[in-house]
Amino acid sequence: MSYIRNNLLNDEKIILETELNYIIFAQTIFWLLLTLVFLFIRSFHAAVILFFILALVSGARAVISYLQSEFAVTNMRVLIKTGLLNVRYFEMMLRNVAAVEVDQSLLGQLCNYGHVKICDNGQVCSLFRYIDNPFAFRKALQKEIDARYPAPQTEPPVEPVKNETPV
């Protein structure tokens, strides 16, 4: 997590770090299994080569994504970095976070991954896909926001005092 650690502010502490979920390797596994099936059948040699090339390309892409993605919640900000050649840096101060949404499919629930959408006060949203343990990420973010910027307490309504005169 070099980007995040190298860009911390004074007195900023990392509360939670996470990464991409291993589900990003599913496409690679699919192509490798298809390659093995066709090797076992001993037919379609061109298809075997094609499937193996697809497995290599998708595997390289998944490994690069996995190694180059960083997600963290600090006591001051949300910090996210994704990509290698086309790098995306996302930083948002906690006071500007208006909403955090987690979207999880059935497979996401089983494999504990999800897509996290973070919206700012102007309702500009950023979506981050395949985050490992997305509810822990959301909980840490919301907990830090509540700790740092508590909601204003509203006074309960005061009931008027009845003036009762003795009879």
Foldseek 3Di string as FASTA:
>chain_A
DVVVVVPADVPKDWDDKFFFFPCLLVLLVVLVVVLVVCVVVVDDPVSNVVSNVSSVVSVVVSVQQRVFWIWTDILFWTWIWGDDPPIDTDIDTLVFWDDKDWDADPVCVVRQFTKIWTAGPVRDIDIDGRIHNVVVVVVSSVVSSCVVPNDDDDDDDDDDDDDDDDD
